[in-house]
Each structure stands twice: as structure tokens, then as C-alpha cells.
């Protein structure tokens, strides 16, 4: 292999998180602070509700 082969791309384990962070930064970069707070509050509340439901379902299956 002489290094000019474009069929293989080597990526580090941080490429996907970096790309996601960059995409989120561009998407929400121009929003006012109150809009960012609303969006992240909704996403956070869905995450907390999902975790709570998962834990509650997991505990009920054990008994």
C-alpha cells in the first residue's frame, strides 16, 4: 500500500463524538439563550423520564 488508496479510511474513536458535538454547536449556535434552555430542558426531561421508566420496569420484573 502506497498511501494513495482512498478505499480505506482510518478513524479514531473520537471522530463520531466530535462530529456530533460540532453538528449540535452549529444547529444551536444562533439561537437565543432562552430557546437553548427550552430545547435542552425538553431533551433532559425526556432523558430523565426514560431512565426513570427503565429503572421502574427493571425493578418490577425482579419481584
C-alpha atoms as a PDB file:
ATOM      1  CA  UNK A   1       0.000   0.000   0.000  1.00  0.00           C
ATOM      2  CA  UNK A   2       1.448   3.289  -1.052  1.00  0.00           C
ATOM      3  CA  UNK A   3      -0.901   5.528   0.925  1.00  0.00           C
ATOM      4  CA  UNK A   4      -2.891   6.772  -2.077  1.00  0.00           C
ATOM      5  CA  UNK A   5      -5.674   4.209  -1.721  1.00  0.00           C
ATOM      6  CA  UNK A   6      -8.943   6.015  -0.970  1.00  0.00           C
ATOM      7  CA  UNK A   7     -10.919   2.838  -0.265  1.00  0.00           C
ATOM      8  CA  UNK A   8      -9.862   2.686   3.391  1.00  0.00           C
ATOM      9  CA  UNK A   9     -10.341   5.477   5.885  1.00  0.00           C
ATOM     10  CA  UNK A  10      -8.838   5.157   9.328  1.00  0.00           C
ATOM     11  CA  UNK A  11     -10.755   6.954  12.045  1.00  0.00           C
ATOM     12  CA  UNK A  12     -10.173   7.394  15.731  1.00  0.00           C
ATOM     13  CA  UNK A  13     -12.745   6.592  18.388  1.00  0.00           C
ATOM     14  CA  UNK A  14     -13.338  10.323  18.911  1.00  0.00           C
ATOM     15  CA  UNK A  15     -14.398  11.172  15.346  1.00  0.00           C
ATOM     16  CA  UNK A  16     -18.117  10.446  15.829  1.00  0.00           C
ATOM     17  CA  UNK A  17     -18.480  12.337  19.159  1.00  0.00           C
ATOM     18  CA  UNK A  18     -16.543  15.277  17.696  1.00  0.00           C
ATOM     19  CA  UNK A  19     -18.778  15.355  14.608  1.00  0.00           C
ATOM     20  CA  UNK A  20     -21.941  15.161  16.734  1.00  0.00           C
ATOM     21  CA  UNK A  21     -20.725  17.957  19.011  1.00  0.00           C
ATOM     22  CA  UNK A  22     -19.857  20.125  16.002  1.00  0.00           C
ATOM     23  CA  UNK A  23     -23.268  19.469  14.437  1.00  0.00           C
ATOM     24  CA  UNK A  24     -25.103  20.382  17.653  1.00  0.00           C
ATOM     25  CA  UNK A  25     -22.973  23.510  18.042  1.00  0.00           C
ATOM     26  CA  UNK A  26     -23.854  24.650  14.518  1.00  0.00           C
ATOM     27  CA  UNK A  27     -27.555  23.805  14.919  1.00  0.00           C
ATOM     28  CA  UNK A  28     -27.983  25.689  18.181  1.00  0.00           C
ATOM     29  CA  UNK A  29     -25.289  28.331  17.751  1.00  0.00           C
ATOM     30  CA  UNK A  30     -27.535  31.153  16.571  1.00  0.00           C
ATOM     31  CA  UNK A  31     -30.460  30.511  18.906  1.00  0.00           C
ATOM     32  CA  UNK A  32     -31.075  32.872  21.812  1.00  0.00           C
ATOM     33  CA  UNK A  33     -30.251  31.585  25.283  1.00  0.00           C
ATOM     34  CA  UNK A  34     -33.912  31.097  26.246  1.00  0.00           C
ATOM     35  CA  UNK A  35     -34.508  28.879  23.203  1.00  0.00           C
ATOM     36  CA  UNK A  36     -31.424  26.805  24.011  1.00  0.00           C
ATOM     37  CA  UNK A  37     -32.672  26.396  27.581  1.00  0.00           C
ATOM     38  CA  UNK A  38     -36.095  25.225  26.383  1.00  0.00           C
ATOM     39  CA  UNK A  39     -34.632  22.719  23.893  1.00  0.00           C
ATOM     40  CA  UNK A  40     -32.095  21.281  26.314  1.00  0.00           C
ATOM     41  CA  UNK A  41     -34.687  21.236  29.106  1.00  0.00           C
ATOM     42  CA  UNK A  42     -37.056  19.197  26.961  1.00  0.00           C
ATOM     43  CA  UNK A  43     -34.282  16.806  25.909  1.00  0.00           C
ATOM     44  CA  UNK A  44     -33.122  16.465  29.516  1.00  0.00           C
ATOM     45  CA  UNK A  45     -36.622  15.812  30.824  1.00  0.00           C
ATOM     46  CA  UNK A  46     -37.173  13.104  28.197  1.00  0.00           C
ATOM     47  CA  UNK A  47     -33.861  11.523  29.229  1.00  0.00           C
ATOM     48  CA  UNK A  48     -34.770  11.582  32.919  1.00  0.00           C
ATOM     49  CA  UNK A  49     -38.249  10.171  32.215  1.00  0.00           C
ATOM     50  CA  UNK A  50     -36.775   7.387  30.076  1.00  0.00           C
ATOM     51  CA  UNK A  51     -34.246   6.466  32.764  1.00  0.00           C
ATOM     52  CA  UNK A  52     -36.936   6.514  35.464  1.00  0.00           C
ATOM     53  CA  UNK A  53     -39.271   4.321  33.403  1.00  0.00           C
ATOM     54  CA  UNK A  54     -36.476   1.891  32.607  1.00  0.00           C
ATOM     55  CA  UNK A  55     -35.488   1.601  36.278  1.00  0.00           C
ATOM     56  CA  UNK A  56     -39.096   1.182  37.390  1.00  0.00           C
ATOM     57  CA  UNK A  57     -39.661  -1.542  34.778  1.00  0.00           C
ATOM     58  CA  UNK A  58     -36.447  -3.266  35.734  1.00  0.00           C
ATOM     59  CA  UNK A  59     -37.389  -3.332  39.429  1.00  0.00           C
ATOM     60  CA  UNK A  60     -40.877  -4.691  38.741  1.00  0.00           C
ATOM     61  CA  UNK A  61     -39.500  -7.601  36.677  1.00  0.00           C
ATOM     62  CA  UNK A  62     -37.239  -8.756  39.527  1.00  0.00           C
ATOM     63  CA  UNK A  63     -40.036  -9.226  42.055  1.00  0.00           C
END
